[in-house]
Protein backbone atom coordinates (compact mmCIF):
# COMPACT_ATOMS: atom_id res chain seq x y z
CA MET A 1 47.85 -8.74 62.21
CA SER A 2 45.35 -6.43 60.58
CA PRO A 3 46.46 -2.86 59.84
CA VAL A 4 45.27 -0.14 62.18
CA THR A 5 42.93 2.25 60.39
CA GLN A 6 42.67 5.85 61.46
CA PRO A 7 39.17 7.32 61.80
CA ILE A 8 38.23 9.73 59.02
CA PRO A 9 37.64 13.28 60.31
CA ASP A 10 34.05 14.53 60.13
CA SER A 11 35.17 17.47 57.98
CA GLU A 12 36.49 15.11 55.28
CA ILE A 13 33.32 13.04 55.31
CA LEU A 14 31.22 16.20 54.96
CA ALA A 15 33.41 17.46 52.10
CA LEU A 16 32.99 14.13 50.32
CA LEU A 17 29.20 14.30 50.70
CA HIS A 18 29.19 17.82 49.24
CA LEU A 19 31.27 16.54 46.31
CA TYR A 20 28.83 13.69 45.71
CA ARG A 21 25.95 16.17 45.70
CA ASP A 22 27.69 18.48 43.20
CA TRP A 23 28.42 15.51 40.94
CA GLY A 24 24.79 14.45 41.01
CA VAL A 25 25.34 11.18 42.90
CA ASP A 26 21.89 10.01 43.98
CA CYS A 27 22.51 6.37 44.95
CA THR A 28 25.08 4.35 46.87
CA LEU A 29 27.16 1.54 45.39
CA SER A 30 29.34 -1.15 46.97
CA GLU A 31 33.11 -0.79 46.81
CA GLU A 32 33.33 -4.30 45.29
CA ALA A 33 31.46 -5.74 42.33
CA VAL A 34 28.68 -8.14 43.26
CA ASN A 35 27.70 -11.03 40.99
CA ARG A 36 23.96 -11.16 41.50
CA PHE A 37 23.73 -14.47 39.63
CA ASP A 38 25.83 -16.37 42.17
CA SER A 39 24.00 -18.50 44.71
CA LEU A 40 20.54 -17.60 43.54
CA PRO A 41 17.99 -19.38 45.70
CA ALA A 42 15.83 -21.94 43.99
CA PRO A 43 12.36 -20.61 43.22
CA ALA A 44 9.94 -21.52 45.94
CA GLN A 45 7.21 -23.96 44.97
CA GLN A 46 3.95 -22.08 45.03
CA PRO A 47 0.96 -23.95 46.44
CA HIS A 48 -2.00 -24.24 44.08
CA GLU A 49 -4.56 -22.28 45.96
CA SER A 50 -6.68 -19.27 45.32
CA ARG A 51 -4.95 -15.98 46.00
CA PRO A 52 -6.56 -13.50 48.37
CA ARG A 53 -7.91 -10.34 46.89
CA ALA A 54 -5.47 -7.48 46.89
CA SER A 55 -6.45 -4.64 49.14
CA VAL A 56 -7.68 -1.58 47.31
CA GLY A 57 -5.46 1.42 47.73
CA LYS A 58 -3.92 4.30 45.84
CA THR A 59 -1.97 3.30 42.77
CA PRO A 60 1.08 5.34 41.74
CA ALA A 61 -0.99 6.80 38.88
CA SER A 62 -3.81 7.90 41.17
CA SER A 63 -1.31 9.33 43.65
CA SER A 64 0.36 11.34 40.88
CA ALA A 65 -3.01 12.59 39.66
CA SER A 66 -3.93 13.66 43.19
CA VAL A 67 -0.71 15.64 43.60
CA GLY A 68 -1.20 17.18 40.14
CA LEU A 69 -4.67 18.35 41.10
CA SER A 70 -3.31 19.84 44.35
CA ILE A 71 -0.74 21.82 42.36
CA GLU A 72 -3.27 23.09 39.81
CA THR A 73 -5.69 24.25 42.51
CA ALA A 74 -3.24 25.54 45.14
CA PRO A 75 -4.75 28.72 46.64
CA ASP A 76 -1.42 30.24 47.72
CA PHE A 77 2.33 29.84 47.34
CA LYS A 78 2.84 27.95 50.61
CA THR A 79 0.28 25.33 49.60
CA LEU A 80 1.83 25.14 46.14
CA GLU A 81 5.31 24.50 47.59
CA HIS A 82 3.96 21.72 49.81
CA ALA A 83 2.11 20.09 46.92
CA ALA A 84 5.16 20.33 44.66
CA SER A 85 7.32 18.59 47.27
CA GLN A 86 4.95 15.60 47.14
CA LEU A 87 5.52 14.89 43.44
CA PRO A 88 6.23 11.15 43.16
CA ASP A 89 9.45 10.02 41.49
CA CYS A 90 10.79 13.60 41.31
CA ILE A 91 14.39 13.43 42.49
CA LEU A 92 14.86 17.20 42.09
CA ALA A 93 12.95 18.02 45.27
CA ARG A 94 15.04 15.57 47.30
CA MET A 95 18.46 16.59 45.96
CA ALA A 96 18.24 20.40 45.84
CA THR A 97 19.48 22.49 48.75
CA HIS A 98 16.52 24.87 48.66
CA TYR A 99 13.15 25.30 47.01
CA VAL A 100 13.63 28.50 44.99
CA GLY A 101 10.22 30.07 45.30
CA PRO A 102 8.65 33.05 43.54
CA VAL A 103 8.72 36.72 44.41
CA HIS A 104 5.19 38.08 44.21
CA VAL A 105 4.64 41.81 43.81
CA PRO A 106 0.86 42.38 44.07
CA GLY A 107 -0.46 44.34 41.11
CA ALA A 108 2.76 44.04 39.08
CA GLN A 109 2.09 44.00 35.34
CA LEU A 110 5.41 42.37 34.44
CA MET A 111 6.65 38.99 35.62
CA LEU A 112 10.15 37.66 35.03
CA ILE A 113 10.54 33.92 34.39
CA GLY A 114 14.10 32.77 35.01
CA GLU A 115 16.06 29.67 34.09
CA VAL A 116 16.69 26.53 36.09
CA PRO A 117 18.20 27.66 39.44
CA ASP A 118 21.99 27.99 39.39
CA ALA A 119 24.35 27.26 42.29
CA ASP A 120 23.89 30.73 43.86
CA GLU A 121 20.11 30.46 43.72
CA ASP A 122 20.18 26.91 45.10
CA ARG A 123 22.39 27.91 48.05
CA SER A 124 20.38 31.02 48.94
CA GLY A 125 16.88 29.92 47.97
CA ASN A 126 16.45 33.26 46.16
CA ILE A 127 15.85 33.77 42.46
CA PHE A 128 18.41 35.83 40.51
CA ALA A 129 20.96 35.62 43.33
CA GLY A 130 24.61 36.51 42.88
CA ALA A 131 26.19 37.85 39.69
CA THR A 132 23.17 36.93 37.56
CA GLY A 133 20.91 39.22 39.56
CA ILE A 134 23.40 42.08 39.42
CA LEU A 135 23.64 41.84 35.64
CA LEU A 136 19.87 41.57 35.26
CA ASP A 137 19.37 44.70 37.37
CA ARG A 138 21.78 46.60 35.11
CA MET A 139 19.98 45.38 32.00
CA LEU A 140 16.60 46.51 33.31
CA ALA A 141 17.97 49.82 34.58
CA SER A 142 19.14 50.62 31.04
CA ILE A 143 15.46 50.95 30.04
CA ASN A 144 14.37 52.54 33.34
CA LEU A 145 12.87 49.39 34.85
CA ASP A 146 13.39 48.08 38.38
CA ARG A 147 13.22 44.38 39.21
CA THR A 148 11.78 45.11 42.65
CA GLY A 149 8.55 46.17 40.94
CA MET A 150 8.12 42.85 39.13
CA SER A 151 7.00 39.40 40.16
CA GLN A 152 9.67 36.75 39.55
CA THR A 153 9.99 32.98 39.49
CA PRO A 154 12.40 30.36 38.13
CA ALA A 155 11.31 27.96 35.41
CA LEU A 156 11.31 25.25 38.07
CA PRO A 157 12.01 25.58 41.78
CA TRP A 158 14.87 23.08 42.17
CA ARG A 159 18.42 22.90 40.85
CA PRO A 160 19.18 19.50 39.29
CA PRO A 161 21.97 17.43 40.89
CA GLY A 162 25.33 18.74 39.77
CA GLY A 163 23.65 21.31 37.52
CA ARG A 164 22.88 18.65 34.91
CA ASP A 165 20.38 19.24 32.10
CA ILE A 166 16.69 18.88 32.87
CA THR A 167 15.03 15.84 31.33
CA PRO A 168 11.85 16.12 29.23
CA ILE A 169 9.96 14.19 31.92
CA GLU A 170 11.08 16.67 34.60
CA LEU A 171 10.01 19.60 32.40
CA LYS A 172 6.58 18.02 32.02
CA LEU A 173 6.32 17.40 35.77
CA CYS A 174 7.29 20.97 36.64
CA ARG A 175 5.22 22.88 34.08
CA PRO A 176 2.06 22.82 36.27
CA ILE A 177 4.11 24.36 39.11
CA LEU A 178 5.21 27.18 36.81
CA GLU A 179 1.70 27.70 35.45
CA ARG A 180 0.15 27.85 38.92
CA THR A 181 2.81 30.29 40.09
CA ILE A 182 2.06 32.56 37.14
CA ALA A 183 -1.70 32.29 37.75
CA LEU A 184 -1.29 33.24 41.43
CA CYS A 185 0.84 36.28 40.50
CA ALA A 186 -1.62 37.26 37.71
CA PRO A 187 0.68 39.54 35.68
CA LYS A 188 -0.27 41.20 32.41
CA HIS A 189 2.94 40.29 30.53
CA LEU A 190 5.71 37.70 30.96
CA VAL A 191 9.39 38.28 30.25
CA VAL A 192 10.84 34.81 29.68
CA LEU A 193 14.59 34.59 30.18
CA GLY A 194 16.34 31.59 28.66
CA THR A 195 15.72 28.37 26.77
CA THR A 196 14.09 26.28 29.51
CA PRO A 197 11.14 28.55 30.35
CA THR A 198 10.66 29.36 26.67
CA ARG A 199 10.24 25.68 25.84
CA MET A 200 8.03 25.08 28.87
CA LEU A 201 5.62 27.81 27.77
CA LEU A 202 5.86 27.66 23.96
CA GLY A 203 6.63 24.00 23.27
CA GLU A 204 9.46 21.52 23.77
CA THR A 205 10.93 22.03 20.29
CA THR A 206 10.95 25.85 20.41
CA GLN A 207 14.34 27.38 19.62
CA LEU A 208 15.06 30.54 21.59
CA ALA A 209 17.17 31.99 18.77
CA ARG A 210 14.14 31.97 16.47
CA VAL A 211 11.54 33.43 18.83
CA ARG A 212 13.52 35.83 21.04
CA GLY A 213 12.68 39.50 20.82
CA ARG A 214 9.14 38.94 19.54
CA TRP A 215 5.97 38.92 21.57
CA ALA A 216 4.09 35.62 21.59
CA THR A 217 1.00 34.27 23.34
CA THR A 218 0.57 31.28 25.61
CA THR A 219 -2.31 29.92 27.66
CA ILE A 220 -1.95 29.54 31.43
CA ARG A 221 -4.38 27.31 33.30
CA GLY A 222 -6.39 29.44 35.71
CA LEU A 223 -5.40 32.69 34.02
CA GLY A 224 -6.08 32.34 30.29
CA GLU A 225 -4.07 33.78 27.42
CA ILE A 226 -1.09 35.96 28.26
CA ARG A 227 1.58 37.67 26.17
CA LEU A 228 5.22 36.79 26.68
CA LEU A 229 8.55 38.07 25.39
CA PRO A 230 11.35 35.47 25.12
CA MET A 231 14.82 36.89 25.79
CA ARG A 232 18.31 35.62 26.49
CA HIS A 233 19.07 34.88 30.13
CA PRO A 234 21.70 37.19 31.71
CA SER A 235 24.07 34.22 32.12
CA GLN A 236 24.04 33.74 28.33
CA ILE A 237 25.28 37.20 27.41
CA ARG A 238 28.48 37.47 29.45
CA ALA A 239 30.86 35.91 26.94
CA SER A 240 29.26 36.83 23.60
CA ALA A 241 29.11 40.23 21.95
CA THR A 242 26.40 38.93 19.62
CA ALA A 243 24.29 37.82 22.57
CA ARG A 244 24.71 41.24 24.18
CA ARG A 245 23.50 42.97 21.00
CA ASP A 246 20.52 40.61 20.88
CA ALA A 247 19.73 41.34 24.52
CA TRP A 248 19.81 45.10 23.90
CA ARG A 249 17.37 44.79 20.98
CA ASP A 250 15.09 42.64 23.13
CA LEU A 251 15.20 45.22 25.93
CA LEU A 252 14.18 47.94 23.48
CA THR A 253 11.22 45.79 22.41
CA LEU A 254 10.24 45.45 26.06
CA ALA A 255 10.62 49.19 26.65
CA ASP A 256 8.35 49.97 23.68
CA THR A 257 5.60 47.86 25.26
CA VAL A 258 5.77 48.95 28.89
């Protein structure tokens, strides 16, 4: 007699799915190991005849190029978001809770570039949500600046599964999204907060500790050369007195410019 199994409550199933998402699980596996080499069918004998011509269609490369062109030429943020969601082989768009889009303040001279979205930003869909935003507002207020008068965007619009590190391929895929967002906002200066956006705009091997607090120049497609100031992200300064001193010096550099 087989044991009677009790149905699993929907709440427990939902909690398990949330756990899988937080852990970065992006595929399903069987509960038992499967030996794929057992009972392999014998290869079918192919008849010796001419093969029909393959139909001409979009290759993955041409599809990727088409999406890339749509991102680079997007006339507005809504079109840009749609084009970004079509990126082939980009798991970030499928796994994130929200697309964390930009905040555009027309005519703003300063634009803040944040890090990869954290859990608060992913849940709300808003950049600098939660404690990070509160700390950033206090930092800016110390030099008489208000975030509401600045355009803002994250380095990339999706949080990676489980908050894992971004891969070099994902950084390369998402840089055109960041560039187009900056071009549409058209600021005069960029304030770049954190390692990820610094490397996206100044090079993959750039070390934030070596460039922070000094104005640099980068080129944005559709906008041209623009000055940027790399700084520590607010989340990096909470537990380090040294990082807080660095952040204060960087804020003074920003205040001297604006």
